Amino acid sequence: MRSLGRIMPNVGASKARKRRLLATVITSQTLYGCQVWADKMTLGGRKNLKKSQRSIMLRVTSTYRTVVSDALNILSGIPPIDLQAMDRMENYNAGKEGRNTTEARETSK
């Protein structure tokens, strides 16, 4: 996270597209292998993931720390990381079973 702060200062310098790209890369690295661990995630694990995502979203949106996390999700256009992990897991499982993702979502409801 410190290296992210150096690459994306919270004021000026970086453009929005560059910030968004770096956030996407960091999120992809964080969610690597989430198909295995997403359903076993504890409450503490979710909290840690959301905490790290919050610092990324603060950099992407160039806002103050006092902004609510839900507002940061909307402003940055980045969905909550625990939902992204669950979605990737569902897509992976649907692919293994030979179903497309819309069929998997309909059967899980």
PDB file of N, CA and C in Angstrom:
ATOM      1  N   MET A   1       0.809  -1.189   0.000  1.00  0.00           N
ATOM      2  CA  MET A   1       0.000   0.000   0.000  1.00  0.00           C
ATOM      3  C   MET A   1       0.858   1.260   0.000  1.00  0.00           C
ATOM      4  N   ARG A   2       2.001   1.210   0.640  1.00  0.00           N
ATOM      5  CA  ARG A   2       2.864   2.395   0.637  1.00  0.00           C
ATOM      6  C   ARG A   2       3.345   2.712  -0.766  1.00  0.00           C
ATOM      7  N   SER A   3       3.679   1.666  -1.518  1.00  0.00           N
ATOM      8  CA  SER A   3       4.125   1.903  -2.889  1.00  0.00           C
ATOM      9  C   SER A   3       3.000   2.496  -3.722  1.00  0.00           C
ATOM     10  N   LEU A   4       1.763   2.091  -3.428  1.00  0.00           N
ATOM     11  CA  LEU A   4       0.613   2.677  -4.115  1.00  0.00           C
ATOM     12  C   LEU A   4       0.540   4.172  -3.824  1.00  0.00           C
ATOM     13  N   GLY A   5       0.799   4.551  -2.588  1.00  0.00           N
ATOM     14  CA  GLY A   5       0.780   5.965  -2.210  1.00  0.00           C
ATOM     15  C   GLY A   5       1.827   6.777  -2.944  1.00  0.00           C
ATOM     16  N   ARG A   6       2.971   6.175  -3.223  1.00  0.00           N
ATOM     17  CA  ARG A   6       4.010   6.889  -3.973  1.00  0.00           C
ATOM     18  C   ARG A   6       3.653   7.002  -5.446  1.00  0.00           C
ATOM     19  N   ILE A   7       3.053   5.961  -5.993  1.00  0.00           N
ATOM     20  CA  ILE A   7       2.681   5.975  -7.407  1.00  0.00           C
ATOM     21  C   ILE A   7       1.491   6.896  -7.641  1.00  0.00           C
ATOM     22  N   MET A   8       0.532   6.854  -6.739  1.00  0.00           N
ATOM     23  CA  MET A   8      -0.689   7.640  -6.882  1.00  0.00           C
ATOM     24  C   MET A   8      -0.833   8.621  -5.721  1.00  0.00           C
ATOM     25  N   PRO A   9      -0.161   9.773  -5.782  1.00  0.00           N
ATOM     26  CA  PRO A   9      -0.354  10.742  -4.716  1.00  0.00           C
ATOM     27  C   PRO A   9      -1.814  11.177  -4.678  1.00  0.00           C
ATOM     28  N   ASN A  10      -2.290  11.535  -3.512  1.00  0.00           N
ATOM     29  CA  ASN A  10      -3.706  11.845  -3.352  1.00  0.00           C
ATOM     30  C   ASN A  10      -4.081  13.197  -3.943  1.00  0.00           C
ATOM     31  N   VAL A  11      -3.100  14.007  -4.277  1.00  0.00           N
ATOM     32  CA  VAL A  11      -3.378  15.331  -4.820  1.00  0.00           C
ATOM     33  C   VAL A  11      -2.638  15.478  -6.140  1.00  0.00           C
ATOM     34  N   GLY A  12      -3.334  16.012  -7.136  1.00  0.00           N
ATOM     35  CA  GLY A  12      -2.703  16.330  -8.416  1.00  0.00           C
ATOM     36  C   GLY A  12      -2.088  15.130  -9.119  1.00  0.00           C
ATOM     37  N   ALA A  13      -0.966  15.372  -9.786  1.00  0.00           N
ATOM     38  CA  ALA A  13      -0.127  14.409 -10.484  1.00  0.00           C
ATOM     39  C   ALA A  13      -0.866  13.386 -11.342  1.00  0.00           C
ATOM     40  N   SER A  14      -1.338  12.298 -10.764  1.00  0.00           N
ATOM     41  CA  SER A  14      -1.907  11.199 -11.541  1.00  0.00           C
ATOM     42  C   SER A  14      -3.287  11.552 -12.094  1.00  0.00           C
ATOM     43  N   LYS A  15      -3.538  11.110 -13.317  1.00  0.00           N
ATOM     44  CA  LYS A  15      -4.859  11.304 -13.903  1.00  0.00           C
ATOM     45  C   LYS A  15      -5.785  10.180 -13.462  1.00  0.00           C
ATOM     46  N   ALA A  16      -7.060  10.416 -13.607  1.00  0.00           N
ATOM     47  CA  ALA A  16      -8.073   9.459 -13.146  1.00  0.00           C
ATOM     48  C   ALA A  16      -7.925   8.103 -13.831  1.00  0.00           C
ATOM     49  N   ARG A  17      -7.635   8.094 -15.129  1.00  0.00           N
ATOM     50  CA  ARG A  17      -7.508   6.816 -15.838  1.00  0.00           C
ATOM     51  C   ARG A  17      -6.333   5.989 -15.315  1.00  0.00           C
ATOM     52  N   LYS A  18      -5.234   6.674 -15.038  1.00  0.00           N
ATOM     53  CA  LYS A  18      -4.055   5.976 -14.519  1.00  0.00           C
ATOM     54  C   LYS A  18      -4.347   5.411 -13.128  1.00  0.00           C
ATOM     55  N   ARG A  19      -5.036   6.177 -12.303  1.00  0.00           N
ATOM     56  CA  ARG A  19      -5.396   5.710 -10.970  1.00  0.00           C
ATOM     57  C   ARG A  19      -6.313   4.493 -11.054  1.00  0.00           C
ATOM     58  N   ARG A  20      -7.283   4.549 -11.949  1.00  0.00           N
ATOM     59  CA  ARG A  20      -8.239   3.451 -12.114  1.00  0.00           C
ATOM     60  C   ARG A  20      -7.530   2.186 -12.597  1.00  0.00           C
ATOM     61  N   LEU A  21      -6.597   2.342 -13.531  1.00  0.00           N
ATOM     62  CA  LEU A  21      -5.832   1.205 -14.041  1.00  0.00           C
ATOM     63  C   LEU A  21      -5.027   0.547 -12.924  1.00  0.00           C
ATOM     64  N   LEU A  22      -4.336   1.343 -12.131  1.00  0.00           N
ATOM     65  CA  LEU A  22      -3.551   0.790 -11.037  1.00  0.00           C
ATOM     66  C   LEU A  22      -4.445   0.106 -10.004  1.00  0.00           C
ATOM     67  N   ALA A  23      -5.616   0.673  -9.754  1.00  0.00           N
ATOM     68  CA  ALA A  23      -6.561   0.039  -8.821  1.00  0.00           C
ATOM     69  C   ALA A  23      -7.023  -1.309  -9.354  1.00  0.00           C
ATOM     70  N   THR A  24      -7.244  -1.406 -10.655  1.00  0.00           N
ATOM     71  CA  THR A  24      -7.667  -2.664 -11.272  1.00  0.00           C
ATOM     72  C   THR A  24      -6.574  -3.726 -11.143  1.00  0.00           C
ATOM     73  N   VAL A  25      -5.333  -3.311 -11.351  1.00  0.00           N
ATOM     74  CA  VAL A  25      -4.212  -4.245 -11.241  1.00  0.00           C
ATOM     75  C   VAL A  25      -4.080  -4.752  -9.806  1.00  0.00           C
ATOM     76  N   ILE A  26      -4.170  -3.854  -8.848  1.00  0.00           N
ATOM     77  CA  ILE A  26      -4.045  -4.247  -7.439  1.00  0.00           C
ATOM     78  C   ILE A  26      -5.195  -5.164  -7.024  1.00  0.00           C
ATOM     79  N   THR A  27      -6.410  -4.855  -7.487  1.00  0.00           N
ATOM     80  CA  THR A  27      -7.563  -5.699  -7.166  1.00  0.00           C
ATOM     81  C   THR A  27      -7.395  -7.092  -7.764  1.00  0.00           C
ATOM     82  N   SER A  28      -6.912  -7.159  -8.989  1.00  0.00           N
ATOM     83  CA  SER A  28      -6.691  -8.466  -9.627  1.00  0.00           C
ATOM     84  C   SER A  28      -5.653  -9.284  -8.865  1.00  0.00           C
ATOM     85  N   GLN A  29      -4.590  -8.639  -8.412  1.00  0.00           N
ATOM     86  CA  GLN A  29      -3.576  -9.345  -7.637  1.00  0.00           C
ATOM     87  C   GLN A  29      -4.145  -9.821  -6.302  1.00  0.00           C
ATOM     88  N   THR A  30      -4.967  -8.993  -5.695  1.00  0.00           N
ATOM     89  CA  THR A  30      -5.565  -9.352  -4.407  1.00  0.00           C
ATOM     90  C   THR A  30      -6.503 -10.539  -4.549  1.00  0.00           C
ATOM     91  N   LEU A  31      -7.267 -10.569  -5.636  1.00  0.00           N
ATOM     92  CA  LEU A  31      -8.272 -11.614  -5.822  1.00  0.00           C
ATOM     93  C   LEU A  31      -7.734 -12.869  -6.517  1.00  0.00           C
ATOM     94  N   TYR A  32      -6.426 -12.927  -6.727  1.00  0.00           N
ATOM     95  CA  TYR A  32      -5.845 -14.101  -7.373  1.00  0.00           C
ATOM     96  C   TYR A  32      -6.143 -15.348  -6.530  1.00  0.00           C
ATOM     97  N   GLY A  33      -6.737 -16.334  -7.127  1.00  0.00           N
ATOM     98  CA  GLY A  33      -7.044 -17.580  -6.446  1.00  0.00           C
ATOM     99  C   GLY A  33      -8.266 -17.523  -5.555  1.00  0.00           C
ATOM    100  N   CYS A  34      -9.065 -16.477  -5.691  1.00  0.00           N
ATOM    101  CA  CYS A  34     -10.225 -16.326  -4.800  1.00  0.00           C
ATOM    102  C   CYS A  34     -11.277 -17.407  -5.045  1.00  0.00           C
ATOM    103  N   GLN A  35     -11.192 -18.117  -6.153  1.00  0.00           N
ATOM    104  CA  GLN A  35     -12.142 -19.202  -6.400  1.00  0.00           C
ATOM    105  C   GLN A  35     -12.029 -20.264  -5.317  1.00  0.00           C
ATOM    106  N   VAL A  36     -10.857 -20.371  -4.725  1.00  0.00           N
ATOM    107  CA  VAL A  36     -10.616 -21.378  -3.700  1.00  0.00           C
ATOM    108  C   VAL A  36     -11.020 -20.874  -2.314  1.00  0.00           C
ATOM    109  N   TRP A  37     -10.699 -19.623  -1.996  1.00  0.00           N
ATOM    110  CA  TRP A  37     -10.881 -19.152  -0.627  1.00  0.00           C
ATOM    111  C   TRP A  37     -12.078 -18.239  -0.405  1.00  0.00           C
ATOM    112  N   ALA A  38     -12.799 -17.838  -1.439  1.00  0.00           N
ATOM    113  CA  ALA A  38     -13.875 -16.854  -1.270  1.00  0.00           C
ATOM    114  C   ALA A  38     -14.999 -17.345  -0.366  1.00  0.00           C
ATOM    115  N   ASP A  39     -15.403 -18.595  -0.496  1.00  0.00           N
ATOM    116  CA  ASP A  39     -16.511 -19.082   0.331  1.00  0.00           C
ATOM    117  C   ASP A  39     -16.073 -19.422   1.756  1.00  0.00           C
ATOM    118  N   LYS A  40     -14.765 -19.504   1.991  1.00  0.00           N
ATOM    119  CA  LYS A  40     -14.250 -19.813   3.328  1.00  0.00           C
ATOM    120  C   LYS A  40     -13.807 -18.557   4.075  1.00  0.00           C
ATOM    121  N   MET A  41     -14.086 -17.394   3.503  1.00  0.00           N
ATOM    122  CA  MET A  41     -13.640 -16.142   4.083  1.00  0.00           C
ATOM    123  C   MET A  41     -14.376 -15.845   5.393  1.00  0.00           C
ATOM    124  N   THR A  42     -13.629 -15.515   6.420  1.00  0.00           N
ATOM    125  CA  THR A  42     -14.222 -15.179   7.714  1.00  0.00           C
ATOM    126  C   THR A  42     -14.593 -13.699   7.736  1.00  0.00           C
ATOM    127  N   LEU A  43     -15.280 -13.301   8.774  1.00  0.00           N
ATOM    128  CA  LEU A  43     -15.657 -11.901   8.926  1.00  0.00           C
ATOM    129  C   LEU A  43     -14.420 -11.012   9.023  1.00  0.00           C
ATOM    130  N   GLY A  44     -13.410 -11.489   9.727  1.00  0.00           N
ATOM    131  CA  GLY A  44     -12.153 -10.741   9.840  1.00  0.00           C
ATOM    132  C   GLY A  44     -11.446 -10.612   8.502  1.00  0.00           C
ATOM    133  N   GLY A  45     -11.493 -11.679   7.707  1.00  0.00           N
ATOM    134  CA  GLY A  45     -10.890 -11.637   6.382  1.00  0.00           C
ATOM    135  C   GLY A  45     -11.584 -10.641   5.476  1.00  0.00           C
ATOM    136  N   ARG A  46     -12.907 -10.613   5.538  1.00  0.00           N
ATOM    137  CA  ARG A  46     -13.671  -9.636   4.749  1.00  0.00           C
ATOM    138  C   ARG A  46     -13.321  -8.214   5.172  1.00  0.00           C
ATOM    139  N   LYS A  47     -13.193  -8.025   6.475  1.00  0.00           N
ATOM    140  CA  LYS A  47     -12.876  -6.699   7.004  1.00  0.00           C
ATOM    141  C   LYS A  47     -11.505  -6.231   6.505  1.00  0.00           C
ATOM    142  N   ASN A  48     -10.519  -7.140   6.505  1.00  0.00           N
ATOM    143  CA  ASN A  48      -9.181  -6.795   6.018  1.00  0.00           C
ATOM    144  C   ASN A  48      -9.186  -6.470   4.528  1.00  0.00           C
ATOM    145  N   LEU A  49      -9.935  -7.248   3.750  1.00  0.00           N
ATOM    146  CA  LEU A  49     -10.023  -6.969   2.314  1.00  0.00           C
ATOM    147  C   LEU A  49     -10.658  -5.609   2.055  1.00  0.00           C
ATOM    148  N   LYS A  50     -11.743  -5.329   2.776  1.00  0.00           N
ATOM    149  CA  LYS A  50     -12.425  -4.049   2.584  1.00  0.00           C
ATOM    150  C   LYS A  50     -11.549  -2.880   3.028  1.00  0.00           C
ATOM    151  N   LYS A  51     -10.751  -3.098   4.066  1.00  0.00           N
ATOM    152  CA  LYS A  51      -9.860  -2.049   4.559  1.00  0.00           C
ATOM    153  C   LYS A  51      -8.801  -1.704   3.503  1.00  0.00           C
ATOM    154  N   SER A  52      -8.216  -2.732   2.890  1.00  0.00           N
ATOM    155  CA  SER A  52      -7.217  -2.470   1.858  1.00  0.00           C
ATOM    156  C   SER A  52      -7.853  -1.858   0.613  1.00  0.00           C
ATOM    157  N   GLN A  53      -9.079  -2.296   0.272  1.00  0.00           N
ATOM    158  CA  GLN A  53      -9.755  -1.720  -0.882  1.00  0.00           C
ATOM    159  C   GLN A  53     -10.106  -0.259  -0.635  1.00  0.00           C
ATOM    160  N   ARG A  54     -10.439   0.070   0.595  1.00  0.00           N
ATOM    161  CA  ARG A  54     -10.789   1.448   0.939  1.00  0.00           C
ATOM    162  C   ARG A  54      -9.622   2.400   0.668  1.00  0.00           C
ATOM    163  N   SER A  55      -8.412   1.983   1.028  1.00  0.00           N
ATOM    164  CA  SER A  55      -7.263   2.856   0.781  1.00  0.00           C
ATOM    165  C   SER A  55      -7.023   3.040  -0.719  1.00  0.00           C
ATOM    166  N   ILE A  56      -7.287   2.000  -1.499  1.00  0.00           N
ATOM    167  CA  ILE A  56      -7.159   2.119  -2.950  1.00  0.00           C
ATOM    168  C   ILE A  56      -8.193   3.099  -3.500  1.00  0.00           C
ATOM    169  N   MET A  57      -9.437   2.951  -3.030  1.00  0.00           N
ATOM    170  CA  MET A  57     -10.512   3.820  -3.532  1.00  0.00           C
ATOM    171  C   MET A  57     -10.297   5.269  -3.121  1.00  0.00           C
ATOM    172  N   LEU A  58      -9.703   5.500  -1.951  1.00  0.00           N
ATOM    173  CA  LEU A  58      -9.387   6.869  -1.539  1.00  0.00           C
ATOM    174  C   LEU A  58      -8.407   7.505  -2.514  1.00  0.00           C
ATOM    175  N   ARG A  59      -7.442   6.723  -2.976  1.00  0.00           N
ATOM    176  CA  ARG A  59      -6.463   7.227  -3.946  1.00  0.00           C
ATOM    177  C   ARG A  59      -7.098   7.450  -5.310  1.00  0.00           C
ATOM    178  N   VAL A  60      -7.964   6.534  -5.723  1.00  0.00           N
ATOM    179  CA  VAL A  60      -8.597   6.656  -7.042  1.00  0.00           C
ATOM    180  C   VAL A  60      -9.469   7.902  -7.109  1.00  0.00           C
ATOM    181  N   THR A  61     -10.216   8.165  -6.048  1.00  0.00           N
ATOM    182  CA  THR A  61     -11.157   9.287  -6.056  1.00  0.00           C
ATOM    183  C   THR A  61     -10.562  10.590  -5.540  1.00  0.00           C
ATOM    184  N   SER A  62      -9.356  10.538  -4.974  1.00  0.00           N
ATOM    185  CA  SER A  62      -8.705  11.731  -4.399  1.00  0.00           C
ATOM    186  C   SER A  62      -9.597  12.416  -3.369  1.00  0.00           C
ATOM    187  N   THR A  63     -10.181  11.630  -2.502  1.00  0.00           N
ATOM    188  CA  THR A  63     -11.055  12.182  -1.469  1.00  0.00           C
ATOM    189  C   THR A  63     -10.382  12.074  -0.108  1.00  0.00           C
ATOM    190  N   TYR A  64     -11.034  12.664   0.872  1.00  0.00           N
ATOM    191  CA  TYR A  64     -10.525  12.613   2.235  1.00  0.00           C
ATOM    192  C   TYR A  64     -10.896  11.295   2.912  1.00  0.00           C
ATOM    193  N   ARG A  65     -10.220  10.993   4.009  1.00  0.00           N
ATOM    194  CA  ARG A  65     -10.465   9.745   4.734  1.00  0.00           C
ATOM    195  C   ARG A  65     -11.853   9.680   5.351  1.00  0.00           C
ATOM    196  N   THR A  66     -12.508  10.815   5.493  1.00  0.00           N
ATOM    197  CA  THR A  66     -13.803  10.844   6.170  1.00  0.00           C
ATOM    198  C   THR A  66     -14.965  10.400   5.282  1.00  0.00           C
ATOM    199  N   VAL A  67     -14.711  10.174   4.005  1.00  0.00           N
ATOM    200  CA  VAL A  67     -15.766   9.749   3.088  1.00  0.00           C
ATOM    201  C   VAL A  67     -16.157   8.298   3.409  1.00  0.00           C
ATOM    202  N   VAL A  68     -17.451   8.023   3.427  1.00  0.00           N
ATOM    203  CA  VAL A  68     -17.980   6.702   3.747  1.00  0.00           C
ATOM    204  C   VAL A  68     -17.592   5.702   2.655  1.00  0.00           C
ATOM    205  N   SER A  69     -17.324   4.455   3.047  1.00  0.00           N
ATOM    206  CA  SER A  69     -16.879   3.424   2.101  1.00  0.00           C
ATOM    207  C   SER A  69     -17.896   3.167   0.987  1.00  0.00           C
ATOM    208  N   ASP A  70     -19.177   3.170   1.319  1.00  0.00           N
ATOM    209  CA  ASP A  70     -20.203   2.953   0.282  1.00  0.00           C
ATOM    210  C   ASP A  70     -20.154   4.064  -0.761  1.00  0.00           C
ATOM    211  N   ALA A  71     -19.922   5.287  -0.327  1.00  0.00           N
ATOM    212  CA  ALA A  71     -19.806   6.398  -1.266  1.00  0.00           C
ATOM    213  C   ALA A  71     -18.557   6.245  -2.129  1.00  0.00           C
ATOM    214  N   LEU A  72     -17.486   5.752  -1.543  1.00  0.00           N
ATOM    215  CA  LEU A  72     -16.261   5.517  -2.310  1.00  0.00           C
ATOM    216  C   LEU A  72     -16.480   4.464  -3.386  1.00  0.00           C
ATOM    217  N   ASN A  73     -17.240   3.415  -3.056  1.00  0.00           N
ATOM    218  CA  ASN A  73     -17.554   2.393  -4.066  1.00  0.00           C
ATOM    219  C   ASN A  73     -18.279   3.015  -5.249  1.00  0.00           C
ATOM    220  N   ILE A  74     -19.198   3.905  -4.974  1.00  0.00           N
ATOM    221  CA  ILE A  74     -19.973   4.541  -6.041  1.00  0.00           C
ATOM    222  C   ILE A  74     -19.116   5.522  -6.828  1.00  0.00           C
ATOM    223  N   LEU A  75     -18.372   6.370  -6.132  1.00  0.00           N
ATOM    224  CA  LEU A  75     -17.549   7.372  -6.804  1.00  0.00           C
ATOM    225  C   LEU A  75     -16.454   6.757  -7.661  1.00  0.00           C
ATOM    226  N   SER A  76     -15.838   5.688  -7.171  1.00  0.00           N
ATOM    227  CA  SER A  76     -14.745   5.064  -7.910  1.00  0.00           C
ATOM    228  C   SER A  76     -15.242   4.098  -8.981  1.00  0.00           C
ATOM    229  N   GLY A  77     -16.483   3.624  -8.824  1.00  0.00           N
ATOM    230  CA  GLY A  77     -17.007   2.652  -9.780  1.00  0.00           C
ATOM    231  C   GLY A  77     -16.471   1.253  -9.530  1.00  0.00           C
ATOM    232  N   ILE A  78     -15.922   1.018  -8.343  1.00  0.00           N
ATOM    233  CA  ILE A  78     -15.357  -0.284  -7.991  1.00  0.00           C
ATOM    234  C   ILE A  78     -16.320  -0.976  -7.031  1.00  0.00           C
ATOM    235  N   PRO A  79     -16.839  -2.143  -7.395  1.00  0.00           N
ATOM    236  CA  PRO A  79     -17.740  -2.864  -6.477  1.00  0.00           C
ATOM    237  C   PRO A  79     -16.983  -3.375  -5.250  1.00  0.00           C
ATOM    238  N   PRO A  80     -17.692  -3.653  -4.166  1.00  0.00           N
ATOM    239  CA  PRO A  80     -17.030  -4.180  -2.964  1.00  0.00           C
ATOM    240  C   PRO A  80     -16.232  -5.448  -3.275  1.00  0.00           C
ATOM    241  N   ILE A  81     -15.068  -5.535  -2.684  1.00  0.00           N
ATOM    242  CA  ILE A  81     -14.130  -6.600  -3.033  1.00  0.00           C
ATOM    243  C   ILE A  81     -14.626  -7.979  -2.623  1.00  0.00           C
ATOM    244  N   ASP A  82     -15.385  -8.067  -1.533  1.00  0.00           N
ATOM    245  CA  ASP A  82     -15.893  -9.379  -1.144  1.00  0.00           C
ATOM    246  C   ASP A  82     -16.940  -9.875  -2.129  1.00  0.00           C
ATOM    247  N   LEU A  83     -17.717  -8.958  -2.705  1.00  0.00           N
ATOM    248  CA  LEU A  83     -18.683  -9.349  -3.739  1.00  0.00           C
ATOM    249  C   LEU A  83     -17.982  -9.749  -5.031  1.00  0.00           C
ATOM    250  N   GLN A  84     -16.878  -9.068  -5.344  1.00  0.00           N
ATOM    251  CA  GLN A  84     -16.101  -9.454  -6.525  1.00  0.00           C
ATOM    252  C   GLN A  84     -15.545 -10.864  -6.363  1.00  0.00           C
ATOM    253  N   ALA A  85     -15.068 -11.171  -5.163  1.00  0.00           N
ATOM    254  CA  ALA A  85     -14.513 -12.505  -4.910  1.00  0.00           C
ATOM    255  C   ALA A  85     -15.588 -13.578  -5.057  1.00  0.00           C
ATOM    256  N   MET A  86     -16.760 -13.326  -4.492  1.00  0.00           N
ATOM    257  CA  MET A  86     -17.852 -14.303  -4.590  1.00  0.00           C
ATOM    258  C   MET A  86     -18.307 -14.473  -6.040  1.00  0.00           C
ATOM    259  N   ASP A  87     -18.352 -13.368  -6.791  1.00  0.00           N
ATOM    260  CA  ASP A  87     -18.757 -13.430  -8.188  1.00  0.00           C
ATOM    261  C   ASP A  87     -17.769 -14.250  -9.005  1.00  0.00           C
ATOM    262  N   ARG A  88     -16.479 -14.027  -8.776  1.00  0.00           N
ATOM    263  CA  ARG A  88     -15.468 -14.811  -9.496  1.00  0.00           C
ATOM    264  C   ARG A  88     -15.565 -16.291  -9.153  1.00  0.00           C
ATOM    265  N   MET A  89     -15.847 -16.588  -7.888  1.00  0.00           N
ATOM    266  CA  MET A  89     -15.989 -17.978  -7.476  1.00  0.00           C
ATOM    267  C   MET A  89     -17.191 -18.624  -8.171  1.00  0.00           C
ATOM    268  N   GLU A  90     -18.326 -17.907  -8.222  1.00  0.00           N
ATOM    269  CA  GLU A  90     -19.516 -18.441  -8.891  1.00  0.00           C
ATOM    270  C   GLU A  90     -19.267 -18.665 -10.373  1.00  0.00           C
ATOM    271  N   ASN A  91     -18.582 -17.726 -11.028  1.00  0.00           N
ATOM    272  CA  ASN A  91     -18.266 -17.882 -12.452  1.00  0.00           C
ATOM    273  C   ASN A  91     -17.359 -19.088 -12.683  1.00  0.00           C
ATOM    274  N   TYR A  92     -16.386 -19.258 -11.804  1.00  0.00           N
ATOM    275  CA  TYR A  92     -15.473 -20.393 -11.917  1.00  0.00           C
ATOM    276  C   TYR A  92     -16.225 -21.711 -11.757  1.00  0.00           C
ATOM    277  N   ASN A  93     -17.066 -21.793 -10.734  1.00  0.00           N
ATOM    278  CA  ASN A  93     -17.827 -23.023 -10.497  1.00  0.00           C
ATOM    279  C   ASN A  93     -18.809 -23.307 -11.631  1.00  0.00           C
ATOM    280  N   ALA A  94     -19.423 -22.260 -12.187  1.00  0.00           N
ATOM    281  CA  ALA A  94     -20.341 -22.449 -13.311  1.00  0.00           C
ATOM    282  C   ALA A  94     -19.589 -22.968 -14.534  1.00  0.00           C
ATOM    283  N   GLY A  95     -18.381 -22.468 -14.751  1.00  0.00           N
ATOM    284  CA  GLY A  95     -17.567 -22.937 -15.875  1.00  0.00           C
ATOM    285  C   GLY A  95     -17.163 -24.390 -15.717  1.00  0.00           C
ATOM    286  N   LYS A  96     -16.863 -24.783 -14.485  1.00  0.00           N
ATOM    287  CA  LYS A  96     -16.492 -26.183 -14.238  1.00  0.00           C
ATOM    288  C   LYS A  96     -17.663 -27.112 -14.493  1.00  0.00           C
ATOM    289  N   GLU A  97     -18.867 -26.647 -14.196  1.00  0.00           N
ATOM    290  CA  GLU A  97     -20.059 -27.479 -14.371  1.00  0.00           C
ATOM    291  C   GLU A  97     -20.635 -27.385 -15.779  1.00  0.00           C
ATOM    292  N   GLY A  98     -20.026 -26.569 -16.625  1.00  0.00           N
ATOM    293  CA  GLY A  98     -20.480 -26.454 -18.003  1.00  0.00           C
ATOM    294  C   GLY A  98     -21.690 -25.556 -18.187  1.00  0.00           C
ATOM    295  N   ARG A  99     -21.998 -24.737 -17.190  1.00  0.00           N
ATOM    296  CA  ARG A  99     -23.126 -23.806 -17.306  1.00  0.00           C
ATOM    297  C   ARG A  99     -22.579 -22.420 -17.579  1.00  0.00           C
ATOM    298  N   ASN A 100     -23.406 -21.562 -18.160  1.00  0.00           N
ATOM    299  CA  ASN A 100     -22.979 -20.180 -18.274  1.00  0.00           C
ATOM    300  C   ASN A 100     -23.329 -19.461 -16.974  1.00  0.00           C
ATOM    301  N   THR A 101     -22.841 -18.228 -16.814  1.00  0.00           N
ATOM    302  CA  THR A 101     -22.974 -17.546 -15.532  1.00  0.00           C
ATOM    303  C   THR A 101     -24.406 -17.166 -15.206  1.00  0.00           C
ATOM    304  N   THR A 102     -25.239 -16.891 -16.209  1.00  0.00           N
ATOM    305  CA  THR A 102     -26.632 -16.528 -15.900  1.00  0.00           C
ATOM    306  C   THR A 102     -27.391 -17.746 -15.391  1.00  0.00           C
ATOM    307  N   GLU A 103     -27.103 -18.928 -15.920  1.00  0.00           N
ATOM    308  CA  GLU A 103     -27.740 -20.143 -15.409  1.00  0.00           C
ATOM    309  C   GLU A 103     -27.313 -20.397 -13.967  1.00  0.00           C
ATOM    310  N   ALA A 104     -26.034 -20.146 -13.663  1.00  0.00           N
ATOM    311  CA  ALA A 104     -25.537 -20.379 -12.305  1.00  0.00           C
ATOM    312  C   ALA A 104     -26.214 -19.435 -11.321  1.00  0.00           C
ATOM    313  N   ARG A 105     -26.417 -18.196 -11.697  1.00  0.00           N
ATOM    314  CA  ARG A 105     -27.070 -17.235 -10.803  1.00  0.00           C
ATOM    315  C   ARG A 105     -28.518 -17.580 -10.587  1.00  0.00           C
ATOM    316  N   GLU A 106     -29.199 -18.080 -11.629  1.00  0.00           N
ATOM    317  CA  GLU A 106     -30.609 -18.434 -11.487  1.00  0.00           C
ATOM    318  C   GLU A 106     -30.795 -19.634 -10.586  1.00  0.00           C
ATOM    319  N   THR A 107     -29.886 -20.604 -10.652  1.00  0.00           N
ATOM    320  CA  THR A 107     -30.026 -21.783  -9.806  1.00  0.00           C
ATOM    321  C   THR A 107     -29.630 -21.522  -8.373  1.00  0.00           C
ATOM    322  N   SER A 108     -28.753 -20.512  -8.133  1.00  0.00           N
ATOM    323  CA  SER A 108     -28.353 -20.225  -6.758  1.00  0.00           C
ATOM    324  C   SER A 108     -29.379 -19.405  -6.004  1.00  0.00           C
ATOM    325  N   LYS A 109     -30.353 -18.837  -6.686  1.00  0.00           N
ATOM    326  CA  LYS A 109     -31.385 -18.010  -6.017  1.00  0.00           C
ATOM    327  C   LYS A 109     -32.459 -18.828  -5.408  1.00  0.00           C
TER     328      LYS A 109
END
